[in-house]
C-alpha cells in the first residue's frame, strides 16, 4: 500500500494506491476511511474529520483512492486557572432516632389469678 500525503489550503490530501488483485496470490485488499485514518496518524499527522471519503477494493479493479481530511488545530494543554472560593461546611446533626417497640409490649398481657 503506497500512501502519499499533500497539504492544501488547510486540508490533507491523502492518495492511496494498492496492488492489483492477482488470482495466483489471492490477496484481497479492502481499504476504507478508518484504515486510512489509522495509517496517516501512525505517520505522525494530526488529522481531523474527513471532508471527502473513498474506498478501495482491489478485486473489483479499483486500486487507488483519494481522501481529504481537515487539519486538526493544536490546542493548548494548560487551561487558565479559575478563582476558587472555599466555603466552610456546616456541621451536620444526626437525625433523631425513634426507639423501637419490643415484642413484649405488643403482646397481650395474660393475667394469672387464682
PDB file of N, CA and C in Angstrom:
ATOM      1  N   UNK A   1       0.851  -1.162   0.000  1.00  0.00           N
ATOM      2  CA  UNK A   1       0.000   0.000   0.000  1.00  0.00           C
ATOM      3  C   UNK A   1       0.901   1.230   0.000  1.00  0.00           C
ATOM      4  N   UNK A   2       0.738   2.079  -0.979  1.00  0.00           N
ATOM      5  CA  UNK A   2       1.508   3.318  -1.095  1.00  0.00           C
ATOM      6  C   UNK A   2       0.626   4.481  -0.664  1.00  0.00           C
ATOM      7  N   UNK A   3       1.141   5.311   0.255  1.00  0.00           N
ATOM      8  CA  UNK A   3       0.392   6.462   0.749  1.00  0.00           C
ATOM      9  C   UNK A   3       1.183   7.719   0.434  1.00  0.00           C
ATOM     10  N   UNK A   4       0.510   8.684  -0.212  1.00  0.00           N
ATOM     11  CA  UNK A   4       1.111   9.993  -0.493  1.00  0.00           C
ATOM     12  C   UNK A   4       0.241  11.046   0.167  1.00  0.00           C
ATOM     13  N   UNK A   5       0.871  11.942   0.947  1.00  0.00           N
ATOM     14  CA  UNK A   5       0.127  12.967   1.684  1.00  0.00           C
ATOM     15  C   UNK A   5       0.620  14.336   1.247  1.00  0.00           C
ATOM     16  N   UNK A   6      -0.336  15.201   0.873  1.00  0.00           N
ATOM     17  CA  UNK A   6      -0.020  16.572   0.472  1.00  0.00           C
ATOM     18  C   UNK A   6      -0.887  17.526   1.285  1.00  0.00           C
ATOM     19  N   UNK A   7      -0.339  18.712   1.604  1.00  0.00           N
ATOM     20  CA  UNK A   7      -1.097  19.725   2.333  1.00  0.00           C
ATOM     21  C   UNK A   7      -1.619  20.753   1.347  1.00  0.00           C
ATOM     22  N   UNK A   8      -2.938  21.036   1.411  1.00  0.00           N
ATOM     23  CA  UNK A   8      -3.544  22.008   0.513  1.00  0.00           C
ATOM     24  C   UNK A   8      -4.594  22.812   1.266  1.00  0.00           C
ATOM     25  N   UNK A   9      -4.381  24.099   1.433  1.00  0.00           N
ATOM     26  CA  UNK A   9      -5.371  25.034   1.992  1.00  0.00           C
ATOM     27  C   UNK A   9      -6.035  24.506   3.271  1.00  0.00           C
ATOM     28  N   UNK A  10      -5.272  24.112   4.235  1.00  0.00           N
ATOM     29  CA  UNK A  10      -5.831  23.645   5.498  1.00  0.00           C
ATOM     30  C   UNK A  10      -6.382  22.234   5.444  1.00  0.00           C
ATOM     31  N   UNK A  11      -6.107  21.513   4.356  1.00  0.00           N
ATOM     32  CA  UNK A  11      -6.569  20.133   4.215  1.00  0.00           C
ATOM     33  C   UNK A  11      -5.379  19.228   3.920  1.00  0.00           C
ATOM     34  N   UNK A  12      -5.513  17.985   4.302  1.00  0.00           N
ATOM     35  CA  UNK A  12      -4.546  16.972   3.908  1.00  0.00           C
ATOM     36  C   UNK A  12      -5.170  16.150   2.792  1.00  0.00           C
ATOM     37  N   UNK A  13      -4.463  16.035   1.678  1.00  0.00           N
ATOM     38  CA  UNK A  13      -4.902  15.198   0.569  1.00  0.00           C
ATOM     39  C   UNK A  13      -4.116  13.893   0.655  1.00  0.00           C
ATOM     40  N   UNK A  14      -4.826  12.795   0.892  1.00  0.00           N
ATOM     41  CA  UNK A  14      -4.179  11.501   1.070  1.00  0.00           C
ATOM     42  C   UNK A  14      -4.529  10.628  -0.132  1.00  0.00           C
ATOM     43  N   UNK A  15      -3.510  10.247  -0.898  1.00  0.00           N
ATOM     44  CA  UNK A  15      -3.698   9.370  -2.055  1.00  0.00           C
ATOM     45  C   UNK A  15      -3.152   7.992  -1.699  1.00  0.00           C
ATOM     46  N   UNK A  16      -3.972   6.977  -1.870  1.00  0.00           N
ATOM     47  CA  UNK A  16      -3.583   5.611  -1.522  1.00  0.00           C
ATOM     48  C   UNK A  16      -3.697   4.747  -2.770  1.00  0.00           C
ATOM     49  N   UNK A  17      -2.673   3.914  -2.971  1.00  0.00           N
ATOM     50  CA  UNK A  17      -2.677   3.004  -4.106  1.00  0.00           C
ATOM     51  C   UNK A  17      -2.263   1.622  -3.619  1.00  0.00           C
ATOM     52  N   UNK A  18      -2.979   0.589  -4.102  1.00  0.00           N
ATOM     53  CA  UNK A  18      -2.665  -0.788  -3.725  1.00  0.00           C
ATOM     54  C   UNK A  18      -2.391  -1.592  -4.997  1.00  0.00           C
ATOM     55  N   UNK A  19      -1.843  -2.787  -4.796  1.00  0.00           N
ATOM     56  CA  UNK A  19      -1.542  -3.651  -5.940  1.00  0.00           C
ATOM     57  C   UNK A  19      -2.825  -4.237  -6.507  1.00  0.00           C
ATOM     58  N   UNK A  20      -2.792  -4.572  -7.776  1.00  0.00           N
ATOM     59  CA  UNK A  20      -3.949  -5.210  -8.417  1.00  0.00           C
ATOM     60  C   UNK A  20      -4.138  -6.612  -7.852  1.00  0.00           C
ATOM     61  N   UNK A  21      -5.341  -7.111  -7.957  1.00  0.00           N
ATOM     62  CA  UNK A  21      -5.656  -8.445  -7.468  1.00  0.00           C
ATOM     63  C   UNK A  21      -5.028  -9.480  -8.390  1.00  0.00           C
ATOM     64  N   UNK A  22      -4.315 -10.421  -7.785  1.00  0.00           N
ATOM     65  CA  UNK A  22      -3.681 -11.486  -8.543  1.00  0.00           C
ATOM     66  C   UNK A  22      -4.327 -12.802  -8.115  1.00  0.00           C
ATOM     67  N   UNK A  23      -5.005 -13.508  -9.041  1.00  0.00           N
ATOM     68  CA  UNK A  23      -5.680 -14.748  -8.643  1.00  0.00           C
ATOM     69  C   UNK A  23      -4.715 -15.842  -8.173  1.00  0.00           C
ATOM     70  N   UNK A  24      -3.466 -15.773  -8.573  1.00  0.00           N
ATOM     71  CA  UNK A  24      -2.490 -16.769  -8.132  1.00  0.00           C
ATOM     72  C   UNK A  24      -2.125 -16.563  -6.660  1.00  0.00           C
ATOM     73  N   UNK A  25      -2.005 -15.299  -6.266  1.00  0.00           N
ATOM     74  CA  UNK A  25      -1.640 -14.984  -4.885  1.00  0.00           C
ATOM     75  C   UNK A  25      -2.890 -14.959  -4.004  1.00  0.00           C
ATOM     76  N   UNK A  26      -4.022 -14.543  -4.567  1.00  0.00           N
ATOM     77  CA  UNK A  26      -5.314 -14.442  -3.880  1.00  0.00           C
ATOM     78  C   UNK A  26      -5.227 -13.571  -2.639  1.00  0.00           C
ATOM     79  N   UNK A  27      -4.701 -12.366  -2.793  1.00  0.00           N
ATOM     80  CA  UNK A  27      -4.611 -11.421  -1.693  1.00  0.00           C
ATOM     81  C   UNK A  27      -5.558 -10.258  -1.961  1.00  0.00           C
ATOM     82  N   UNK A  28      -6.729 -10.305  -1.326  1.00  0.00           N
ATOM     83  CA  UNK A  28      -7.694  -9.227  -1.467  1.00  0.00           C
ATOM     84  C   UNK A  28      -7.321  -8.096  -0.518  1.00  0.00           C
ATOM     85  N   UNK A  29      -7.542  -6.877  -0.965  1.00  0.00           N
ATOM     86  CA  UNK A  29      -7.258  -5.715  -0.135  1.00  0.00           C
ATOM     87  C   UNK A  29      -8.478  -4.807  -0.144  1.00  0.00           C
ATOM     88  N   UNK A  30      -8.997  -4.539   1.041  1.00  0.00           N
ATOM     89  CA  UNK A  30     -10.115  -3.619   1.200  1.00  0.00           C
ATOM     90  C   UNK A  30      -9.651  -2.506   2.121  1.00  0.00           C
ATOM     91  N   UNK A  31      -9.760  -1.253   1.659  1.00  0.00           N
ATOM     92  CA  UNK A  31      -9.327  -0.108   2.454  1.00  0.00           C
ATOM     93  C   UNK A  31     -10.483   0.877   2.528  1.00  0.00           C
ATOM     94  N   UNK A  32     -10.842   1.261   3.760  1.00  0.00           N
ATOM     95  CA  UNK A  32     -11.897   2.250   3.954  1.00  0.00           C
ATOM     96  C   UNK A  32     -11.325   3.450   4.706  1.00  0.00           C
ATOM     97  N   UNK A  33     -12.180   4.391   5.068  1.00  0.00           N
ATOM     98  CA  UNK A  33     -11.728   5.633   5.695  1.00  0.00           C
ATOM     99  C   UNK A  33     -11.039   5.385   7.034  1.00  0.00           C
ATOM    100  N   UNK A  34     -11.547   4.461   7.823  1.00  0.00           N
ATOM    101  CA  UNK A  34     -10.946   4.176   9.128  1.00  0.00           C
ATOM    102  C   UNK A  34      -9.523   3.659   9.011  1.00  0.00           C
ATOM    103  N   UNK A  35      -9.282   2.798   8.031  1.00  0.00           N
ATOM    104  CA  UNK A  35      -7.933   2.260   7.830  1.00  0.00           C
ATOM    105  C   UNK A  35      -6.966   3.368   7.401  1.00  0.00           C
ATOM    106  N   UNK A  36      -7.443   4.276   6.553  1.00  0.00           N
ATOM    107  CA  UNK A  36      -6.584   5.383   6.098  1.00  0.00           C
ATOM    108  C   UNK A  36      -6.266   6.307   7.268  1.00  0.00           C
ATOM    109  N   UNK A  37      -7.271   6.606   8.110  1.00  0.00           N
ATOM    110  CA  UNK A  37      -7.028   7.466   9.268  1.00  0.00           C
ATOM    111  C   UNK A  37      -5.977   6.864  10.196  1.00  0.00           C
ATOM    112  N   UNK A  38      -6.063   5.567  10.466  1.00  0.00           N
ATOM    113  CA  UNK A  38      -5.077   4.917  11.342  1.00  0.00           C
ATOM    114  C   UNK A  38      -3.672   5.018  10.756  1.00  0.00           C
ATOM    115  N   UNK A  39      -3.544   4.741   9.469  1.00  0.00           N
ATOM    116  CA  UNK A  39      -2.215   4.762   8.847  1.00  0.00           C
ATOM    117  C   UNK A  39      -1.622   6.174   8.824  1.00  0.00           C
ATOM    118  N   UNK A  40      -2.451   7.184   8.556  1.00  0.00           N
ATOM    119  CA  UNK A  40      -1.952   8.564   8.499  1.00  0.00           C
ATOM    120  C   UNK A  40      -1.537   9.025   9.895  1.00  0.00           C
ATOM    121  N   UNK A  41      -2.296   8.638  10.923  1.00  0.00           N
ATOM    122  CA  UNK A  41      -1.919   9.014  12.292  1.00  0.00           C
ATOM    123  C   UNK A  41      -0.641   8.314  12.728  1.00  0.00           C
ATOM    124  N   UNK A  42      -0.419   7.075  12.243  1.00  0.00           N
ATOM    125  CA  UNK A  42       0.833   6.375  12.550  1.00  0.00           C
ATOM    126  C   UNK A  42       2.024   7.113  11.960  1.00  0.00           C
ATOM    127  N   UNK A  43       1.804   7.775  10.827  1.00  0.00           N
ATOM    128  CA  UNK A  43       2.877   8.529  10.182  1.00  0.00           C
ATOM    129  C   UNK A  43       3.142   9.863  10.883  1.00  0.00           C
ATOM    130  N   UNK A  44       2.318  10.228  11.867  1.00  0.00           N
ATOM    131  CA  UNK A  44       2.583  11.427  12.662  1.00  0.00           C
ATOM    132  C   UNK A  44       1.776  12.644  12.268  1.00  0.00           C
ATOM    133  N   UNK A  45       0.801  12.528  11.410  1.00  0.00           N
ATOM    134  CA  UNK A  45      -0.015  13.665  11.012  1.00  0.00           C
ATOM    135  C   UNK A  45      -1.200  13.786  11.965  1.00  0.00           C
ATOM    136  N   UNK A  46      -1.549  15.033  12.290  1.00  0.00           N
ATOM    137  CA  UNK A  46      -2.668  15.300  13.187  1.00  0.00           C
ATOM    138  C   UNK A  46      -3.866  15.686  12.327  1.00  0.00           C
ATOM    139  N   UNK A  47      -4.710  14.699  12.002  1.00  0.00           N
ATOM    140  CA  UNK A  47      -5.831  14.950  11.091  1.00  0.00           C
ATOM    141  C   UNK A  47      -7.134  15.037  11.863  1.00  0.00           C
ATOM    142  N   UNK A  48      -8.103  15.727  11.258  1.00  0.00           N
ATOM    143  CA  UNK A  48      -9.418  15.882  11.868  1.00  0.00           C
ATOM    144  C   UNK A  48     -10.443  15.058  11.120  1.00  0.00           C
ATOM    145  N   UNK A  49     -11.622  15.645  10.913  1.00  0.00           N
ATOM    146  CA  UNK A  49     -12.719  14.951  10.246  1.00  0.00           C
ATOM    147  C   UNK A  49     -12.454  14.814   8.750  1.00  0.00           C
ATOM    148  N   UNK A  50     -13.081  13.800   8.145  1.00  0.00           N
ATOM    149  CA  UNK A  50     -12.931  13.569   6.712  1.00  0.00           C
ATOM    150  C   UNK A  50     -13.865  14.503   5.950  1.00  0.00           C
ATOM    151  N   UNK A  51     -13.341  15.164   4.928  1.00  0.00           N
ATOM    152  CA  UNK A  51     -14.145  16.027   4.065  1.00  0.00           C
ATOM    153  C   UNK A  51     -14.652  15.216   2.880  1.00  0.00           C
ATOM    154  N   UNK A  52     -13.753  14.428   2.286  1.00  0.00           N
ATOM    155  CA  UNK A  52     -14.122  13.562   1.170  1.00  0.00           C
ATOM    156  C   UNK A  52     -13.605  12.167   1.479  1.00  0.00           C
ATOM    157  N   UNK A  53     -14.464  11.165   1.306  1.00  0.00           N
ATOM    158  CA  UNK A  53     -14.068   9.795   1.608  1.00  0.00           C
ATOM    159  C   UNK A  53     -14.079   8.959   0.340  1.00  0.00           C
ATOM    160  N   UNK A  54     -13.501   7.792   0.442  1.00  0.00           N
ATOM    161  CA  UNK A  54     -13.410   6.880  -0.690  1.00  0.00           C
ATOM    162  C   UNK A  54     -13.230   5.474  -0.118  1.00  0.00           C
ATOM    163  N   UNK A  55     -13.257   4.478  -0.968  1.00  0.00           N
ATOM    164  CA  UNK A  55     -12.953   3.117  -0.539  1.00  0.00           C
ATOM    165  C   UNK A  55     -12.293   2.380  -1.697  1.00  0.00           C
ATOM    166  N   UNK A  56     -11.442   1.437  -1.340  1.00  0.00           N
ATOM    167  CA  UNK A  56     -10.684   0.679  -2.346  1.00  0.00           C
ATOM    168  C   UNK A  56     -10.938  -0.802  -2.113  1.00  0.00           C
ATOM    169  N   UNK A  57     -11.184  -1.508  -3.202  1.00  0.00           N
ATOM    170  CA  UNK A  57     -11.323  -2.966  -3.149  1.00  0.00           C
ATOM    171  C   UNK A  57     -10.652  -3.488  -4.417  1.00  0.00           C
ATOM    172  N   UNK A  58      -9.456  -4.049  -4.269  1.00  0.00           N
ATOM    173  CA  UNK A  58      -8.676  -4.367  -5.461  1.00  0.00           C
ATOM    174  C   UNK A  58      -9.252  -5.517  -6.282  1.00  0.00           C
ATOM    175  N   UNK A  59     -10.154  -6.301  -5.729  1.00  0.00           N
ATOM    176  CA  UNK A  59     -10.742  -7.388  -6.510  1.00  0.00           C
ATOM    177  C   UNK A  59     -11.722  -6.830  -7.551  1.00  0.00           C
ATOM    178  N   UNK A  60     -12.311  -5.682  -7.254  1.00  0.00           N
ATOM    179  CA  UNK A  60     -13.225  -5.054  -8.200  1.00  0.00           C
ATOM    180  C   UNK A  60     -12.488  -4.262  -9.275  1.00  0.00           C
ATOM    181  N   UNK A  61     -11.190  -4.116  -9.143  1.00  0.00           N
ATOM    182  CA  UNK A  61     -10.415  -3.378 -10.127  1.00  0.00           C
ATOM    183  C   UNK A  61     -10.089  -1.964  -9.691  1.00  0.00           C
ATOM    184  N   UNK A  62     -10.638  -1.503  -8.579  1.00  0.00           N
ATOM    185  CA  UNK A  62     -10.345  -0.152  -8.084  1.00  0.00           C
ATOM    186  C   UNK A  62      -9.121  -0.239  -7.178  1.00  0.00           C
ATOM    187  N   UNK A  63      -7.996   0.285  -7.646  1.00  0.00           N
ATOM    188  CA  UNK A  63      -6.744   0.125  -6.906  1.00  0.00           C
ATOM    189  C   UNK A  63      -6.216   1.421  -6.320  1.00  0.00           C
ATOM    190  N   UNK A  64      -6.910   2.542  -6.499  1.00  0.00           N
ATOM    191  CA  UNK A  64      -6.441   3.779  -5.883  1.00  0.00           C
ATOM    192  C   UNK A  64      -7.618   4.645  -5.476  1.00  0.00           C
ATOM    193  N   UNK A  65      -7.381   5.472  -4.455  1.00  0.00           N
ATOM    194  CA  UNK A  65      -8.427   6.343  -3.945  1.00  0.00           C
ATOM    195  C   UNK A  65      -7.829   7.577  -3.316  1.00  0.00           C
ATOM    196  N   UNK A  66      -8.669   8.610  -3.148  1.00  0.00           N
ATOM    197  CA  UNK A  66      -8.216   9.881  -2.587  1.00  0.00           C
ATOM    198  C   UNK A  66      -9.141  10.294  -1.453  1.00  0.00           C
ATOM    199  N   UNK A  67      -8.547  10.675  -0.331  1.00  0.00           N
ATOM    200  CA  UNK A  67      -9.275  11.141   0.835  1.00  0.00           C
ATOM    201  C   UNK A  67      -8.798  12.543   1.166  1.00  0.00           C
ATOM    202  N   UNK A  68      -9.718  13.391   1.652  1.00  0.00           N
ATOM    203  CA  UNK A  68      -9.370  14.724   2.125  1.00  0.00           C
ATOM    204  C   UNK A  68      -9.774  14.830   3.591  1.00  0.00           C
ATOM    205  N   UNK A  69      -8.822  15.244   4.425  1.00  0.00           N
ATOM    206  CA  UNK A  69      -9.060  15.403   5.858  1.00  0.00           C
ATOM    207  C   UNK A  69      -8.748  16.838   6.266  1.00  0.00           C
ATOM    208  N   UNK A  70      -9.502  17.359   7.243  1.00  0.00           N
ATOM    209  CA  UNK A  70      -9.213  18.684   7.788  1.00  0.00           C
ATOM    210  C   UNK A  70      -7.980  18.592   8.679  1.00  0.00           C
ATOM    211  N   UNK A  71      -7.247  19.698   8.744  1.00  0.00           N
ATOM    212  CA  UNK A  71      -6.133  19.764   9.688  1.00  0.00           C
ATOM    213  C   UNK A  71      -6.702  20.007  11.063  1.00  0.00           C
ATOM    214  N   UNK A  72      -6.177  19.301  12.045  1.00  0.00           N
ATOM    215  CA  UNK A  72      -6.633  19.472  13.413  1.00  0.00           C
ATOM    216  C   UNK A  72      -5.778  20.552  14.062  1.00  0.00           C
ATOM    217  N   UNK A  73      -6.428  21.531  14.672  1.00  0.00           N
ATOM    218  CA  UNK A  73      -5.697  22.620  15.312  1.00  0.00           C
ATOM    219  C   UNK A  73      -5.060  22.127  16.600  1.00  0.00           C
ATOM    220  N   UNK A  74      -3.865  22.635  16.857  1.00  0.00           N
ATOM    221  CA  UNK A  74      -3.178  22.307  18.103  1.00  0.00           C
ATOM    222  C   UNK A  74      -3.848  23.080  19.225  1.00  0.00           C
ATOM    223  N   UNK A  75      -4.324  22.380  20.228  1.00  0.00           N
ATOM    224  CA  UNK A  75      -4.959  23.027  21.366  1.00  0.00           C
ATOM    225  C   UNK A  75      -3.975  23.085  22.518  1.00  0.00           C
ATOM    226  N   UNK A  76      -4.091  24.157  23.296  1.00  0.00           N
ATOM    227  CA  UNK A  76      -3.204  24.266  24.448  1.00  0.00           C
ATOM    228  C   UNK A  76      -3.640  23.268  25.507  1.00  0.00           C
ATOM    229  N   UNK A  77      -2.675  22.666  26.136  1.00  0.00           N
ATOM    230  CA  UNK A  77      -2.953  21.650  27.138  1.00  0.00           C
ATOM    231  C   UNK A  77      -3.334  22.305  28.459  1.00  0.00           C
ATOM    232  N   UNK A  78      -2.644  23.395  28.820  1.00  0.00           N
ATOM    233  CA  UNK A  78      -2.902  24.068  30.098  1.00  0.00           C
ATOM    234  C   UNK A  78      -4.089  25.007  29.951  1.00  0.00           C
ATOM    235  N   UNK A  79      -5.023  24.876  30.867  1.00  0.00           N
ATOM    236  CA  UNK A  79      -6.173  25.767  30.883  1.00  0.00           C
ATOM    237  C   UNK A  79      -5.907  26.849  31.924  1.00  0.00           C
ATOM    238  N   UNK A  80      -6.438  28.044  31.708  1.00  0.00           N
ATOM    239  CA  UNK A  80      -6.214  29.097  32.699  1.00  0.00           C
ATOM    240  C   UNK A  80      -6.886  28.735  34.026  1.00  0.00           C
ATOM    241  N   UNK A  81      -6.215  29.115  35.107  1.00  0.00           N
ATOM    242  CA  UNK A  81      -6.724  28.778  36.443  1.00  0.00           C
ATOM    243  C   UNK A  81      -7.935  29.643  36.764  1.00  0.00           C
ATOM    244  N   UNK A  82      -8.941  29.049  37.363  1.00  0.00           N
ATOM    245  CA  UNK A  82     -10.138  29.774  37.753  1.00  0.00           C
ATOM    246  C   UNK A  82     -10.036  30.126  39.232  1.00  0.00           C
ATOM    247  N   UNK A  83     -10.673  31.238  39.604  1.00  0.00           N
ATOM    248  CA  UNK A  83     -10.702  31.613  41.011  1.00  0.00           C
ATOM    249  C   UNK A  83     -11.614  30.653  41.762  1.00  0.00           C
ATOM    250  N   UNK A  84     -11.114  30.145  42.872  1.00  0.00           N
ATOM    251  CA  UNK A  84     -11.860  29.171  43.654  1.00  0.00           C
ATOM    252  C   UNK A  84     -12.172  29.772  45.012  1.00  0.00           C
ATOM    253  N   UNK A  85     -13.435  29.715  45.408  1.00  0.00           N
ATOM    254  CA  UNK A  85     -13.847  30.197  46.722  1.00  0.00           C
ATOM    255  C   UNK A  85     -14.119  28.977  47.596  1.00  0.00           C
ATOM    256  N   UNK A  86     -13.415  28.914  48.721  1.00  0.00           N
ATOM    257  CA  UNK A  86     -13.578  27.779  49.624  1.00  0.00           C
ATOM    258  C   UNK A  86     -14.526  28.196  50.739  1.00  0.00           C
ATOM    259  N   UNK A  87     -15.610  27.440  50.907  1.00  0.00           N
ATOM    260  CA  UNK A  87     -16.585  27.714  51.960  1.00  0.00           C
ATOM    261  C   UNK A  87     -16.449  26.665  53.051  1.00  0.00           C
ATOM    262  N   UNK A  88     -16.692  27.087  54.288  1.00  0.00           N
ATOM    263  CA  UNK A  88     -16.628  26.167  55.410  1.00  0.00           C
ATOM    264  C   UNK A  88     -17.940  25.398  55.447  1.00  0.00           C
ATOM    265  N   UNK A  89     -17.849  24.089  55.534  1.00  0.00           N
ATOM    266  CA  UNK A  89     -19.051  23.261  55.563  1.00  0.00           C
ATOM    267  C   UNK A  89     -19.710  23.344  56.923  1.00  0.00           C
ATOM    268  N   UNK A  90     -21.045  23.333  56.898  1.00  0.00           N
ATOM    269  CA  UNK A  90     -21.793  23.368  58.149  1.00  0.00           C
ATOM    270  C   UNK A  90     -21.780  21.976  58.769  1.00  0.00           C
ATOM    271  N   UNK A  91     -21.827  21.976  60.101  1.00  0.00           N
ATOM    272  CA  UNK A  91     -21.826  20.698  60.800  1.00  0.00           C
ATOM    273  C   UNK A  91     -23.198  20.046  60.652  1.00  0.00           C
ATOM    274  N   UNK A  92     -23.209  18.794  60.319  1.00  0.00           N
ATOM    275  CA  UNK A  92     -24.448  18.078  60.098  1.00  0.00           C
ATOM    276  C   UNK A  92     -24.830  17.348  61.373  1.00  0.00           C
ATOM    277  N   UNK A  93     -26.071  17.636  61.851  1.00  0.00           N
ATOM    278  CA  UNK A  93     -26.543  16.980  63.067  1.00  0.00           C
ATOM    279  C   UNK A  93     -27.196  15.661  62.673  1.00  0.00           C
ATOM    280  N   UNK A  94     -26.974  14.613  63.461  1.00  0.00           N
ATOM    281  CA  UNK A  94     -27.620  13.342  63.138  1.00  0.00           C
ATOM    282  C   UNK A  94     -29.129  13.424  63.377  1.00  0.00           C
ATOM    283  N   UNK A  95     -29.880  12.665  62.623  1.00  0.00           N
ATOM    284  CA  UNK A  95     -31.330  12.648  62.766  1.00  0.00           C
ATOM    285  C   UNK A  95     -31.690  11.977  64.087  1.00  0.00           C
ATOM    286  N   UNK A  96     -32.751  12.450  64.724  1.00  0.00           N
ATOM    287  CA  UNK A  96     -33.168  11.773  65.972  1.00  0.00           C
ATOM    288  C   UNK A  96     -33.703  10.378  65.655  1.00  0.00           C
ATOM    289  N   UNK A  97     -33.345   9.446  66.501  1.00  0.00           N
ATOM    290  CA  UNK A  97     -33.713   8.058  66.270  1.00  0.00           C
ATOM    291  C   UNK A  97     -34.857   7.694  67.203  1.00  0.00           C
ATOM    292  N   UNK A  98     -35.913   7.099  66.663  1.00  0.00           N
ATOM    293  CA  UNK A  98     -37.030   6.644  67.490  1.00  0.00           C
ATOM    294  C   UNK A  98     -36.685   5.308  68.115  1.00  0.00           C
ATOM    295  N   UNK A  99     -37.154   5.138  69.305  1.00  0.00           N
ATOM    296  CA  UNK A  99     -36.932   3.852  69.954  1.00  0.00           C
ATOM    297  C   UNK A  99     -37.941   2.869  69.387  1.00  0.00           C
ATOM    298  N   UNK A 100     -37.493   1.680  69.109  1.00  0.00           N
ATOM    299  CA  UNK A 100     -38.372   0.666  68.558  1.00  0.00           C
ATOM    300  C   UNK A 100     -39.126  -0.048  69.670  1.00  0.00           C
ATOM    301  N   UNK A 101     -40.303  -0.487  69.325  1.00  0.00           N
ATOM    302  CA  UNK A 101     -41.089  -1.245  70.296  1.00  0.00           C
ATOM    303  C   UNK A 101     -40.514  -2.642  70.432  1.00  0.00           C
ATOM    304  N   UNK A 102     -40.589  -3.140  71.576  1.00  0.00           N
ATOM    305  CA  UNK A 102     -40.146  -4.520  71.783  1.00  0.00           C
ATOM    306  C   UNK A 102     -41.336  -5.439  71.583  1.00  0.00           C
ATOM    307  N   UNK A 103     -41.086  -6.693  71.373  1.00  0.00           N
ATOM    308  CA  UNK A 103     -42.164  -7.644  71.132  1.00  0.00           C
ATOM    309  C   UNK A 103     -43.048  -7.826  72.367  1.00  0.00           C
ATOM    310  N   UNK A 104     -42.458  -7.758  73.516  1.00  0.00           N
ATOM    311  CA  UNK A 104     -43.233  -7.994  74.734  1.00  0.00           C
ATOM    312  C   UNK A 104     -44.294  -6.921  74.915  1.00  0.00           C
ATOM    313  N   UNK A 105     -44.036  -5.742  74.428  1.00  0.00           N
ATOM    314  CA  UNK A 105     -45.011  -4.677  74.605  1.00  0.00           C
ATOM    315  C   UNK A 105     -46.161  -4.806  73.611  1.00  0.00           C
ATOM    316  N   UNK A 106     -45.995  -5.562  72.558  1.00  0.00           N
ATOM    317  CA  UNK A 106     -47.060  -5.714  71.583  1.00  0.00           C
ATOM    318  C   UNK A 106     -47.943  -6.902  71.901  1.00  0.00           C
ATOM    319  N   UNK A 107     -47.499  -7.813  72.754  1.00  0.00           N
ATOM    320  CA  UNK A 107     -48.295  -8.988  73.116  1.00  0.00           C
ATOM    321  C   UNK A 107     -49.315  -8.604  74.180  1.00  0.00           C
ATOM    322  N   UNK A 108     -50.420  -9.351  74.233  1.00  0.00           N
ATOM    323  CA  UNK A 108     -51.423  -9.119  75.278  1.00  0.00           C
ATOM    324  C   UNK A 108     -50.904  -9.688  76.590  1.00  0.00           C
ATOM    325  N   UNK A 109     -51.189  -8.968  77.604  1.00  0.00           N
ATOM    326  CA  UNK A 109     -50.767  -9.463  78.915  1.00  0.00           C
ATOM    327  C   UNK A 109     -51.794 -10.473  79.412  1.00  0.00           C
ATOM    328  N   UNK A 110     -51.306 -11.564  79.893  1.00  0.00           N
ATOM    329  CA  UNK A 110     -52.172 -12.629  80.414  1.00  0.00           C
ATOM    330  C   UNK A 110     -52.138 -12.548  81.935  1.00  0.00           C
ATOM    331  N   UNK A 111     -53.290 -12.440  82.500  1.00  0.00           N
ATOM    332  CA  UNK A 111     -53.331 -12.343  83.957  1.00  0.00           C
ATOM    333  C   UNK A 111     -53.360 -13.757  84.569  1.00  0.00           C
ATOM    334  N   UNK A 112     -52.635 -13.923  85.607  1.00  0.00           N
ATOM    335  CA  UNK A 112     -52.606 -15.214  86.300  1.00  0.00           C
ATOM    336  C   UNK A 112     -53.219 -15.020  87.675  1.00  0.00           C
ATOM    337  N   UNK A 113     -54.494 -15.169  87.756  1.00  0.00           N
ATOM    338  CA  UNK A 113     -55.179 -15.025  89.036  1.00  0.00           C
ATOM    339  C   UNK A 113     -55.683 -16.370  89.502  1.00  0.00           C
ATOM    340  N   UNK A 114     -55.585 -16.652  90.756  1.00  0.00           N
ATOM    341  CA  UNK A 114     -56.111 -17.904  91.333  1.00  0.00           C
ATOM    342  C   UNK A 114     -57.424 -17.731  91.978  1.00  0.00           C
TER     343      UNK A 114
END
